[in-house]
PDB file of N, CA and C in Angstrom:
ATOM      1  N   MET A   1       0.706  -1.232   0.197  1.00  0.00           N
ATOM      2  CA  MET A   1       0.168  -0.137  -0.131  1.00  0.00           C
ATOM      3  C   MET A   1       0.881   1.340  -0.036  1.00  0.00           C
ATOM      4  N   ASP A   2       2.137   1.332   0.282  1.00  0.00           N
ATOM      5  CA  ASP A   2       2.820   2.331   0.003  1.00  0.00           C
ATOM      6  C   ASP A   2       2.848   2.972  -1.412  1.00  0.00           C
ATOM      7  N   GLY A   3       2.347   4.322  -0.907  1.00  0.00           N
ATOM      8  CA  GLY A   3       2.476   5.144  -1.878  1.00  0.00           C
ATOM      9  C   GLY A   3       1.176   5.130  -2.712  1.00  0.00           C
ATOM     10  N   ASP A   4      -0.005   4.166  -2.184  1.00  0.00           N
ATOM     11  CA  ASP A   4      -1.025   3.908  -2.881  1.00  0.00           C
ATOM     12  C   ASP A   4      -2.068   5.261  -2.304  1.00  0.00           C
ATOM     13  N   PRO A   5      -2.581   6.265  -3.182  1.00  0.00           N
ATOM     14  CA  PRO A   5      -3.584   7.266  -2.556  1.00  0.00           C
ATOM     15  C   PRO A   5      -4.874   6.751  -2.307  1.00  0.00           C
ATOM     16  N   ASN A   6      -5.131   5.741  -1.982  1.00  0.00           N
ATOM     17  CA  ASN A   6      -6.307   5.381  -2.113  1.00  0.00           C
ATOM     18  C   ASN A   6      -6.326   4.889  -0.487  1.00  0.00           C
ATOM     19  N   ALA A   7      -5.092   4.738   0.401  1.00  0.00           N
ATOM     20  CA  ALA A   7      -4.714   4.347   1.395  1.00  0.00           C
ATOM     21  C   ALA A   7      -5.563   5.233   2.529  1.00  0.00           C
ATOM     22  N   GLY A   8      -4.949   6.288   2.512  1.00  0.00           N
ATOM     23  CA  GLY A   8      -5.757   7.370   3.029  1.00  0.00           C
ATOM     24  C   GLY A   8      -4.512   7.909   4.129  1.00  0.00           C
ATOM     25  N   LEU A   9      -3.136   7.304   3.735  1.00  0.00           N
ATOM     26  CA  LEU A   9      -2.306   7.524   4.973  1.00  0.00           C
ATOM     27  C   LEU A   9      -1.082   8.272   4.477  1.00  0.00           C
ATOM     28  N   ALA A  10      -0.298   8.986   5.008  1.00  0.00           N
ATOM     29  CA  ALA A  10       0.745   9.803   4.361  1.00  0.00           C
ATOM     30  C   ALA A  10       1.892   8.903   4.478  1.00  0.00           C
ATOM     31  N   ARG A  11       2.875   8.944   3.496  1.00  0.00           N
ATOM     32  CA  ARG A  11       3.970   8.468   3.998  1.00  0.00           C
ATOM     33  C   ARG A  11       4.777   8.352   5.158  1.00  0.00           C
ATOM     34  N   SER A  12       4.883   9.646   5.769  1.00  0.00           N
ATOM     35  CA  SER A  12       5.012   9.674   7.221  1.00  0.00           C
ATOM     36  C   SER A  12       4.687   8.522   8.209  1.00  0.00           C
ATOM     37  N   ARG A  13       2.952   8.575   7.971  1.00  0.00           N
ATOM     38  CA  ARG A  13       2.206   7.865   8.932  1.00  0.00           C
ATOM     39  C   ARG A  13       2.756   6.333   8.507  1.00  0.00           C
ATOM     40  N   TRP A  14       2.756   6.042   7.235  1.00  0.00           N
ATOM     41  CA  TRP A  14       3.180   4.469   6.673  1.00  0.00           C
ATOM     42  C   TRP A  14       4.612   4.482   7.616  1.00  0.00           C
ATOM     43  N   ASP A  15       5.777   4.819   7.518  1.00  0.00           N
ATOM     44  CA  ASP A  15       6.868   4.734   8.170  1.00  0.00           C
ATOM     45  C   ASP A  15       7.024   4.727   9.400  1.00  0.00           C
ATOM     46  N   ALA A  16       5.808   5.648  10.483  1.00  0.00           N
ATOM     47  CA  ALA A  16       6.030   5.341  11.562  1.00  0.00           C
ATOM     48  C   ALA A  16       4.968   4.301  12.091  1.00  0.00           C
ATOM     49  N   TYR A  17       4.337   3.663  11.456  1.00  0.00           N
ATOM     50  CA  TYR A  17       3.757   2.358  11.583  1.00  0.00           C
ATOM     51  C   TYR A  17       4.462   1.264  11.375  1.00  0.00           C
ATOM     52  N   ARG A  18       5.573   1.275  10.513  1.00  0.00           N
ATOM     53  CA  ARG A  18       6.500   0.297  10.047  1.00  0.00           C
ATOM     54  C   ARG A  18       7.795   0.222  11.185  1.00  0.00           C
ATOM     55  N   ALA A  19       7.708   1.551  11.734  1.00  0.00           N
ATOM     56  CA  ALA A  19       8.855   1.638  12.799  1.00  0.00           C
ATOM     57  C   ALA A  19       8.362   0.820  14.156  1.00  0.00           C
ATOM     58  N   ILE A  20       7.270   1.029  14.239  1.00  0.00           N
ATOM     59  CA  ILE A  20       6.348   0.551  15.579  1.00  0.00           C
ATOM     60  C   ILE A  20       6.315  -1.080  15.429  1.00  0.00           C
ATOM     61  N   TYR A  21       5.913  -1.376  14.106  1.00  0.00           N
ATOM     62  CA  TYR A  21       5.865  -2.739  13.995  1.00  0.00           C
ATOM     63  C   TYR A  21       6.833  -3.587  14.130  1.00  0.00           C
ATOM     64  N   SER A  22       7.880  -3.120  13.462  1.00  0.00           N
ATOM     65  CA  SER A  22       9.467  -3.324  13.566  1.00  0.00           C
ATOM     66  C   SER A  22      10.233  -4.142  14.986  1.00  0.00           C
ATOM     67  N   ARG A  23       9.824  -2.562  15.734  1.00  0.00           N
ATOM     68  CA  ARG A  23      10.453  -2.547  17.089  1.00  0.00           C
ATOM     69  C   ARG A  23       9.552  -3.501  18.063  1.00  0.00           C
ATOM     70  N   ASP A  24       8.263  -3.583  17.968  1.00  0.00           N
ATOM     71  CA  ASP A  24       7.487  -4.821  18.511  1.00  0.00           C
ATOM     72  C   ASP A  24       7.191  -6.237  17.919  1.00  0.00           C
ATOM     73  N   GLU A  25       7.819  -6.192  17.393  1.00  0.00           N
ATOM     74  CA  GLU A  25       8.042  -7.600  16.141  1.00  0.00           C
ATOM     75  C   GLU A  25       6.591  -8.091  15.929  1.00  0.00           C
ATOM     76  N   ILE A  26       5.601  -6.807  15.395  1.00  0.00           N
ATOM     77  CA  ILE A  26       4.186  -7.257  14.883  1.00  0.00           C
ATOM     78  C   ILE A  26       4.777  -7.697  13.465  1.00  0.00           C
ATOM     79  N   LYS A  27       4.650  -9.096  12.983  1.00  0.00           N
ATOM     80  CA  LYS A  27       4.800  -9.489  11.990  1.00  0.00           C
ATOM     81  C   LYS A  27       3.996  -9.150  10.687  1.00  0.00           C
ATOM     82  N   LEU A  28       2.429  -8.824  11.302  1.00  0.00           N
ATOM     83  CA  LEU A  28       1.556  -9.335  10.348  1.00  0.00           C
ATOM     84  C   LEU A  28       0.218  -8.398  10.679  1.00  0.00           C
ATOM     85  N   GLY A  29       0.484  -7.183  11.367  1.00  0.00           N
ATOM     86  CA  GLY A  29      -0.298  -5.996  11.174  1.00  0.00           C
ATOM     87  C   GLY A  29      -1.656  -6.388  11.679  1.00  0.00           C
ATOM     88  N   VAL A  30      -2.472  -5.481  11.888  1.00  0.00           N
ATOM     89  CA  VAL A  30      -3.778  -5.252  12.793  1.00  0.00           C
ATOM     90  C   VAL A  30      -4.938  -5.776  11.851  1.00  0.00           C
ATOM     91  N   GLN A  31      -5.886  -6.679  12.232  1.00  0.00           N
ATOM     92  CA  GLN A  31      -7.170  -6.997  11.827  1.00  0.00           C
ATOM     93  C   GLN A  31      -8.209  -6.410  12.542  1.00  0.00           C
ATOM     94  N   ARG A  32      -9.302  -5.613  12.094  1.00  0.00           N
ATOM     95  CA  ARG A  32     -10.400  -5.210  12.797  1.00  0.00           C
ATOM     96  C   ARG A  32     -11.713  -6.062  12.261  1.00  0.00           C
ATOM     97  N   ASP A  33     -12.821  -6.107  13.500  1.00  0.00           N
ATOM     98  CA  ASP A  33     -13.698  -6.758  13.199  1.00  0.00           C
ATOM     99  C   ASP A  33     -15.064  -5.659  12.766  1.00  0.00           C
ATOM    100  N   GLU A  34     -16.010  -5.993  12.872  1.00  0.00           N
ATOM    101  CA  GLU A  34     -17.370  -4.759  12.664  1.00  0.00           C
ATOM    102  C   GLU A  34     -17.210  -4.071  13.397  1.00  0.00           C
ATOM    103  N   ALA A  35     -16.907  -4.404  14.927  1.00  0.00           N
ATOM    104  CA  ALA A  35     -17.217  -3.542  15.456  1.00  0.00           C
ATOM    105  C   ALA A  35     -15.956  -2.819  16.255  1.00  0.00           C
ATOM    106  N   GLY A  36     -14.798  -3.001  15.367  1.00  0.00           N
ATOM    107  CA  GLY A  36     -13.649  -2.016  15.526  1.00  0.00           C
ATOM    108  C   GLY A  36     -12.584  -2.817  16.598  1.00  0.00           C
ATOM    109  N   ASP A  37     -13.017  -3.652  17.098  1.00  0.00           N
ATOM    110  CA  ASP A  37     -12.117  -4.519  17.996  1.00  0.00           C
ATOM    111  C   ASP A  37     -10.880  -4.865  17.115  1.00  0.00           C
ATOM    112  N   ALA A  38      -9.841  -4.840  17.831  1.00  0.00           N
ATOM    113  CA  ALA A  38      -8.462  -4.768  16.893  1.00  0.00           C
ATOM    114  C   ALA A  38      -7.589  -5.836  17.030  1.00  0.00           C
ATOM    115  N   PHE A  39      -7.267  -7.135  16.608  1.00  0.00           N
ATOM    116  CA  PHE A  39      -6.558  -8.014  16.794  1.00  0.00           C
ATOM    117  C   PHE A  39      -4.979  -7.850  16.318  1.00  0.00           C
ATOM    118  N   ILE A  40      -4.151  -7.612  16.925  1.00  0.00           N
ATOM    119  CA  ILE A  40      -2.801  -7.067  16.663  1.00  0.00           C
ATOM    120  C   ILE A  40      -1.879  -8.754  16.624  1.00  0.00           C
ATOM    121  N   MET A  41      -1.552  -8.851  15.117  1.00  0.00           N
ATOM    122  CA  MET A  41      -1.284  -9.982  15.243  1.00  0.00           C
ATOM    123  C   MET A  41       0.567 -10.113  14.926  1.00  0.00           C
ATOM    124  N   VAL A  42       1.147 -10.945  15.802  1.00  0.00           N
ATOM    125  CA  VAL A  42       2.357 -11.214  16.342  1.00  0.00           C
ATOM    126  C   VAL A  42       2.867 -11.930  15.520  1.00  0.00           C
ATOM    127  N   ASP A  43       2.087 -13.211  15.452  1.00  0.00           N
ATOM    128  CA  ASP A  43       2.988 -14.051  14.823  1.00  0.00           C
ATOM    129  C   ASP A  43       2.098 -15.386  14.283  1.00  0.00           C
ATOM    130  N   SER A  44       2.557 -15.996  13.319  1.00  0.00           N
ATOM    131  CA  SER A  44       1.546 -17.257  12.466  1.00  0.00           C
ATOM    132  C   SER A  44       2.391 -18.450  12.328  1.00  0.00           C
ATOM    133  N   VAL A  45       1.566 -19.151  12.299  1.00  0.00           N
ATOM    134  CA  VAL A  45       2.290 -20.618  11.929  1.00  0.00           C
ATOM    135  C   VAL A  45       1.493 -21.502  11.313  1.00  0.00           C
ATOM    136  N   GLY A  46       1.927 -22.135  10.138  1.00  0.00           N
ATOM    137  CA  GLY A  46       1.024 -22.593   8.915  1.00  0.00           C
ATOM    138  C   GLY A  46       0.682 -22.021   7.932  1.00  0.00           C
ATOM    139  N   LEU A  47      -0.180 -22.394   7.012  1.00  0.00           N
ATOM    140  CA  LEU A  47      -0.777 -21.900   5.792  1.00  0.00           C
ATOM    141  C   LEU A  47      -2.186 -21.851   5.807  1.00  0.00           C
ATOM    142  N   LEU A  48      -2.821 -20.922   5.394  1.00  0.00           N
ATOM    143  CA  LEU A  48      -4.089 -20.963   4.771  1.00  0.00           C
ATOM    144  C   LEU A  48      -4.899 -21.530   5.660  1.00  0.00           C
ATOM    145  N   ASN A  49      -5.431 -22.537   5.696  1.00  0.00           N
ATOM    146  CA  ASN A  49      -6.417 -22.884   6.556  1.00  0.00           C
ATOM    147  C   ASN A  49      -6.306 -24.024   7.643  1.00  0.00           C
ATOM    148  N   ARG A  50      -4.569 -24.217   7.842  1.00  0.00           N
ATOM    149  CA  ARG A  50      -4.280 -25.150   7.962  1.00  0.00           C
ATOM    150  C   ARG A  50      -3.238 -24.708   9.445  1.00  0.00           C
ATOM    151  N   GLY A  51      -3.292 -23.140   9.594  1.00  0.00           N
ATOM    152  CA  GLY A  51      -2.160 -22.649  10.758  1.00  0.00           C
ATOM    153  C   GLY A  51      -3.223 -21.940  11.339  1.00  0.00           C
ATOM    154  N   HIS A  52      -2.472 -21.186  12.394  1.00  0.00           N
ATOM    155  CA  HIS A  52      -3.080 -20.282  13.458  1.00  0.00           C
ATOM    156  C   HIS A  52      -1.998 -18.759  13.587  1.00  0.00           C
ATOM    157  N   THR A  53      -3.372 -17.976  13.893  1.00  0.00           N
ATOM    158  CA  THR A  53      -2.422 -16.811  14.482  1.00  0.00           C
ATOM    159  C   THR A  53      -2.341 -16.154  16.164  1.00  0.00           C
ATOM    160  N   THR A  54      -1.339 -15.948  16.355  1.00  0.00           N
ATOM    161  CA  THR A  54      -1.490 -15.167  17.661  1.00  0.00           C
ATOM    162  C   THR A  54      -1.243 -13.852  17.914  1.00  0.00           C
ATOM    163  N   GLY A  55      -1.747 -13.486  18.859  1.00  0.00           N
ATOM    164  CA  GLY A  55      -0.961 -11.929  19.434  1.00  0.00           C
ATOM    165  C   GLY A  55      -2.101 -11.149  20.365  1.00  0.00           C
ATOM    166  N   TYR A  56      -2.366  -9.923  20.585  1.00  0.00           N
ATOM    167  CA  TYR A  56      -3.261  -9.319  21.389  1.00  0.00           C
ATOM    168  C   TYR A  56      -4.257  -8.598  20.652  1.00  0.00           C
ATOM    169  N   LEU A  57      -5.240  -8.885  21.725  1.00  0.00           N
ATOM    170  CA  LEU A  57      -6.650  -8.046  21.093  1.00  0.00           C
ATOM    171  C   LEU A  57      -7.226  -7.504  22.040  1.00  0.00           C
ATOM    172  N   PHE A  58      -7.574  -5.972  21.592  1.00  0.00           N
ATOM    173  CA  PHE A  58      -8.165  -4.853  21.852  1.00  0.00           C
ATOM    174  C   PHE A  58      -9.813  -4.897  21.921  1.00  0.00           C
ATOM    175  N   CYS A  59     -10.702  -5.093  23.195  1.00  0.00           N
ATOM    176  CA  CYS A  59     -12.015  -4.861  22.540  1.00  0.00           C
ATOM    177  C   CYS A  59     -12.735  -4.062  22.708  1.00  0.00           C
ATOM    178  N   ARG A  60     -13.374  -3.064  22.026  1.00  0.00           N
ATOM    179  CA  ARG A  60     -13.649  -1.662  22.496  1.00  0.00           C
ATOM    180  C   ARG A  60     -15.046  -2.313  23.161  1.00  0.00           C
ATOM    181  N   GLN A  61     -15.281  -1.149  23.789  1.00  0.00           N
ATOM    182  CA  GLN A  61     -17.169  -1.215  24.334  1.00  0.00           C
ATOM    183  C   GLN A  61     -17.813  -0.836  23.222  1.00  0.00           C
ATOM    184  N   SER A  62     -18.707  -1.659  22.473  1.00  0.00           N
ATOM    185  CA  SER A  62     -19.497  -1.249  21.407  1.00  0.00           C
ATOM    186  C   SER A  62     -21.060  -2.090  21.392  1.00  0.00           C
ATOM    187  N   GLN A  63     -21.640  -1.614  20.451  1.00  0.00           N
ATOM    188  CA  GLN A  63     -22.828  -2.207  20.184  1.00  0.00           C
ATOM    189  C   GLN A  63     -22.825  -3.584  19.442  1.00  0.00           C
ATOM    190  N   ALA A  64     -23.886  -4.467  19.629  1.00  0.00           N
ATOM    191  CA  ALA A  64     -23.641  -5.700  19.089  1.00  0.00           C
ATOM    192  C   ALA A  64     -23.653  -5.917  17.194  1.00  0.00           C
ATOM    193  N   VAL A  65     -22.962  -6.420  17.095  1.00  0.00           N
ATOM    194  CA  VAL A  65     -22.983  -6.583  15.644  1.00  0.00           C
ATOM    195  C   VAL A  65     -22.809  -8.020  15.149  1.00  0.00           C
ATOM    196  N   SER A  66     -22.852  -8.050  13.898  1.00  0.00           N
ATOM    197  CA  SER A  66     -22.936  -9.769  13.301  1.00  0.00           C
ATOM    198  C   SER A  66     -21.691 -10.197  13.382  1.00  0.00           C
ATOM    199  N   PHE A  67     -20.495  -9.506  13.584  1.00  0.00           N
ATOM    200  CA  PHE A  67     -19.150 -10.443  13.758  1.00  0.00           C
ATOM    201  C   PHE A  67     -18.163  -9.904  14.420  1.00  0.00           C
ATOM    202  N   ARG A  68     -17.730 -10.296  15.639  1.00  0.00           N
ATOM    203  CA  ARG A  68     -16.856  -9.555  16.678  1.00  0.00           C
ATOM    204  C   ARG A  68     -16.129 -11.162  16.997  1.00  0.00           C
ATOM    205  N   PHE A  69     -14.816 -10.629  17.302  1.00  0.00           N
ATOM    206  CA  PHE A  69     -13.982 -11.855  18.061  1.00  0.00           C
ATOM    207  C   PHE A  69     -14.361 -12.176  19.282  1.00  0.00           C
ATOM    208  N   GLN A  70     -14.572 -13.838  19.526  1.00  0.00           N
ATOM    209  CA  GLN A  70     -15.040 -14.458  20.771  1.00  0.00           C
ATOM    210  C   GLN A  70     -14.711 -13.845  21.697  1.00  0.00           C
ATOM    211  N   PRO A  71     -13.512 -13.575  22.514  1.00  0.00           N
ATOM    212  CA  PRO A  71     -13.280 -12.612  23.634  1.00  0.00           C
ATOM    213  C   PRO A  71     -14.058 -11.743  23.615  1.00  0.00           C
ATOM    214  N   CYS A  72     -14.146 -10.841  22.870  1.00  0.00           N
ATOM    215  CA  CYS A  72     -15.485  -9.626  22.965  1.00  0.00           C
ATOM    216  C   CYS A  72     -16.498  -9.952  23.388  1.00  0.00           C
ATOM    217  N   THR A  73     -17.068 -11.195  22.814  1.00  0.00           N
ATOM    218  CA  THR A  73     -18.485 -11.475  23.191  1.00  0.00           C
ATOM    219  C   THR A  73     -18.738 -12.349  24.185  1.00  0.00           C
ATOM    220  N   LEU A  74     -17.855 -12.672  24.748  1.00  0.00           N
ATOM    221  CA  LEU A  74     -18.028 -13.981  26.070  1.00  0.00           C
ATOM    222  C   LEU A  74     -17.637 -13.474  27.135  1.00  0.00           C
ATOM    223  N   ASN A  75     -17.522 -12.517  27.425  1.00  0.00           N
ATOM    224  CA  ASN A  75     -17.245 -11.831  29.016  1.00  0.00           C
ATOM    225  C   ASN A  75     -16.895 -12.865  29.791  1.00  0.00           C
ATOM    226  N   LYS A  76     -15.358 -13.228  29.473  1.00  0.00           N
ATOM    227  CA  LYS A  76     -14.571 -14.213  30.310  1.00  0.00           C
ATOM    228  C   LYS A  76     -13.340 -13.715  30.401  1.00  0.00           C
ATOM    229  N   ASN A  77     -12.851 -14.292  31.570  1.00  0.00           N
ATOM    230  CA  ASN A  77     -11.569 -14.216  31.459  1.00  0.00           C
ATOM    231  C   ASN A  77     -10.438 -14.956  30.586  1.00  0.00           C
ATOM    232  N   GLU A  78     -10.877 -16.094  30.601  1.00  0.00           N
ATOM    233  CA  GLU A  78     -10.210 -16.966  29.761  1.00  0.00           C
ATOM    234  C   GLU A  78     -10.999 -17.978  28.828  1.00  0.00           C
ATOM    235  N   GLY A  79     -10.447 -18.529  27.960  1.00  0.00           N
ATOM    236  CA  GLY A  79     -11.615 -19.746  26.652  1.00  0.00           C
ATOM    237  C   GLY A  79     -10.936 -20.511  25.786  1.00  0.00           C
ATOM    238  N   TYR A  80     -11.588 -21.267  25.515  1.00  0.00           N
ATOM    239  CA  TYR A  80     -10.849 -22.375  24.622  1.00  0.00           C
ATOM    240  C   TYR A  80     -11.953 -23.288  24.113  1.00  0.00           C
ATOM    241  N   HIS A  81     -11.898 -23.255  22.717  1.00  0.00           N
ATOM    242  CA  HIS A  81     -12.777 -23.770  21.876  1.00  0.00           C
ATOM    243  C   HIS A  81     -11.677 -24.429  20.303  1.00  0.00           C
ATOM    244  N   ALA A  82     -11.737 -25.844  20.771  1.00  0.00           N
ATOM    245  CA  ALA A  82     -11.434 -26.518  19.596  1.00  0.00           C
ATOM    246  C   ALA A  82     -11.747 -26.515  18.450  1.00  0.00           C
ATOM    247  N   PHE A  83     -10.886 -26.557  17.194  1.00  0.00           N
ATOM    248  CA  PHE A  83     -11.221 -26.824  15.661  1.00  0.00           C
ATOM    249  C   PHE A  83     -12.170 -27.830  15.417  1.00  0.00           C
ATOM    250  N   ASP A  84     -13.354 -27.924  14.783  1.00  0.00           N
ATOM    251  CA  ASP A  84     -13.712 -28.552  14.532  1.00  0.00           C
ATOM    252  C   ASP A  84     -13.979 -29.098  12.908  1.00  0.00           C
ATOM    253  N   PRO A  85     -13.320 -30.212  12.703  1.00  0.00           N
ATOM    254  CA  PRO A  85     -13.185 -30.589  11.307  1.00  0.00           C
ATOM    255  C   PRO A  85     -14.324 -30.933  10.371  1.00  0.00           C
ATOM    256  N   LYS A  86     -15.636 -31.056  11.378  1.00  0.00           N
ATOM    257  CA  LYS A  86     -16.770 -31.766  10.421  1.00  0.00           C
ATOM    258  C   LYS A  86     -17.097 -30.647  10.093  1.00  0.00           C
ATOM    259  N   THR A  87     -17.429 -29.235  11.076  1.00  0.00           N
ATOM    260  CA  THR A  87     -18.073 -28.013  10.378  1.00  0.00           C
ATOM    261  C   THR A  87     -17.070 -26.792   9.969  1.00  0.00           C
ATOM    262  N   ARG A  88     -15.551 -27.436  10.393  1.00  0.00           N
ATOM    263  CA  ARG A  88     -14.712 -26.448   9.910  1.00  0.00           C
ATOM    264  C   ARG A  88     -14.841 -25.159  10.705  1.00  0.00           C
ATOM    265  N   GLU A  89     -15.558 -24.983  11.938  1.00  0.00           N
ATOM    266  CA  GLU A  89     -15.527 -24.043  13.118  1.00  0.00           C
ATOM    267  C   GLU A  89     -14.008 -23.678  13.534  1.00  0.00           C
ATOM    268  N   GLU A  90     -13.568 -22.333  13.235  1.00  0.00           N
ATOM    269  CA  GLU A  90     -12.508 -22.265  13.751  1.00  0.00           C
ATOM    270  C   GLU A  90     -12.056 -22.384  15.438  1.00  0.00           C
ATOM    271  N   GLY A  91     -10.925 -22.632  15.613  1.00  0.00           N
ATOM    272  CA  GLY A  91     -10.219 -23.035  17.176  1.00  0.00           C
ATOM    273  C   GLY A  91     -10.166 -21.266  17.703  1.00  0.00           C
ATOM    274  N   TYR A  92     -10.290 -21.482  19.175  1.00  0.00           N
ATOM    275  CA  TYR A  92      -9.483 -20.305  19.478  1.00  0.00           C
ATOM    276  C   TYR A  92      -9.263 -20.673  21.072  1.00  0.00           C
ATOM    277  N   SER A  93      -7.920 -19.534  21.360  1.00  0.00           N
ATOM    278  CA  SER A  93      -8.001 -19.896  22.820  1.00  0.00           C
ATOM    279  C   SER A  93      -7.607 -18.485  23.436  1.00  0.00           C
ATOM    280  N   PHE A  94      -7.937 -17.783  24.618  1.00  0.00           N
ATOM    281  CA  PHE A  94      -8.022 -16.314  25.004  1.00  0.00           C
ATOM    282  C   PHE A  94      -8.016 -16.358  26.411  1.00  0.00           C
ATOM    283  N   TRP A  95      -7.158 -15.486  26.980  1.00  0.00           N
ATOM    284  CA  TRP A  95      -6.935 -15.020  28.112  1.00  0.00           C
ATOM    285  C   TRP A  95      -6.945 -13.632  28.654  1.00  0.00           C
ATOM    286  N   ARG A  96      -7.614 -12.700  29.376  1.00  0.00           N
ATOM    287  CA  ARG A  96      -7.581 -11.565  29.627  1.00  0.00           C
ATOM    288  C   ARG A  96      -6.417 -11.102  30.422  1.00  0.00           C
ATOM    289  N   LEU A  97      -5.715 -10.389  29.691  1.00  0.00           N
ATOM    290  CA  LEU A  97      -4.515  -9.471  30.065  1.00  0.00           C
ATOM    291  C   LEU A  97      -4.884  -8.406  31.508  1.00  0.00           C
ATOM    292  N   ASP A  98      -5.585  -7.451  30.904  1.00  0.00           N
ATOM    293  CA  ASP A  98      -6.059  -6.371  32.050  1.00  0.00           C
ATOM    294  C   ASP A  98      -7.214  -5.389  31.070  1.00  0.00           C
ATOM    295  N   GLY A  99      -8.247  -5.265  31.760  1.00  0.00           N
ATOM    296  CA  GLY A  99      -9.525  -4.755  31.162  1.00  0.00           C
ATOM    297  C   GLY A  99      -9.928  -5.252  29.377  1.00  0.00           C
ATOM    298  N   SER A 100      -9.570  -4.515  28.920  1.00  0.00           N
ATOM    299  CA  SER A 100     -10.173  -5.042  27.279  1.00  0.00           C
ATOM    300  C   SER A 100      -9.144  -5.717  26.536  1.00  0.00           C
ATOM    301  N   TRP A 101      -7.840  -5.732  27.297  1.00  0.00           N
ATOM    302  CA  TRP A 101      -6.627  -6.523  26.477  1.00  0.00           C
ATOM    303  C   TRP A 101      -6.632  -8.073  26.982  1.00  0.00           C
ATOM    304  N   PHE A 102      -6.805  -8.778  25.575  1.00  0.00           N
ATOM    305  CA  PHE A 102      -6.238 -10.427  25.682  1.00  0.00           C
ATOM    306  C   PHE A 102      -5.083 -10.825  24.946  1.00  0.00           C
ATOM    307  N   VAL A 103      -4.546 -12.008  25.277  1.00  0.00           N
ATOM    308  CA  VAL A 103      -3.705 -12.708  24.570  1.00  0.00           C
ATOM    309  C   VAL A 103      -4.813 -13.498  23.748  1.00  0.00           C
ATOM    310  N   TYR A 104      -4.719 -14.005  22.268  1.00  0.00           N
ATOM    311  CA  TYR A 104      -5.345 -14.054  21.448  1.00  0.00           C
ATOM    312  C   TYR A 104      -4.877 -14.994  20.227  1.00  0.00           C
ATOM    313  N   ASP A 105      -5.520 -16.360  20.134  1.00  0.00           N
ATOM    314  CA  ASP A 105      -5.057 -17.341  19.166  1.00  0.00           C
ATOM    315  C   ASP A 105      -6.076 -17.669  18.512  1.00  0.00           C
ATOM    316  N   ASN A 106      -5.900 -17.890  17.202  1.00  0.00           N
ATOM    317  CA  ASN A 106      -7.118 -18.384  16.549  1.00  0.00           C
ATOM    318  C   ASN A 106      -6.765 -19.362  15.257  1.00  0.00           C
ATOM    319  N   GLY A 107      -7.423 -20.539  14.804  1.00  0.00           N
ATOM    320  CA  GLY A 107      -7.247 -20.888  13.536  1.00  0.00           C
ATOM    321  C   GLY A 107      -7.558 -21.972  13.876  1.00  0.00           C
ATOM    322  N   PRO A 108      -7.065 -23.245  12.846  1.00  0.00           N
ATOM    323  CA  PRO A 108      -8.034 -24.427  12.786  1.00  0.00           C
ATOM    324  C   PRO A 108      -6.673 -25.224  13.984  1.00  0.00           C
ATOM    325  N   SER A 109      -5.486 -25.096  13.618  1.00  0.00           N
ATOM    326  CA  SER A 109      -4.652 -26.196  14.165  1.00  0.00           C
ATOM    327  C   SER A 109      -4.065 -26.042  15.550  1.00  0.00           C
TER     328      SER A 109
END
């Protein structure tokens, strides 16, 4: 997205993000859901539908929407759900760090 006028970020902003990601070893970026919750993806193992991603999740105080990360809707300090090969329902695990912050891992393996 470097230099892409549709990205909506100045080059200096991109450079600042790159520096932060590099310093903090954030390898994959940030994924947001419909509520604006942010999954900061630190590492992943495996390929496509056979791997999993680990990182930090911040849950916003938000209204109900059709898709949110599980820790943001379950109101628990920790949780685990195994991948279901029959339904292909994704597995996940999480534990609360503090307030709205979680360590989060999702994926089939």
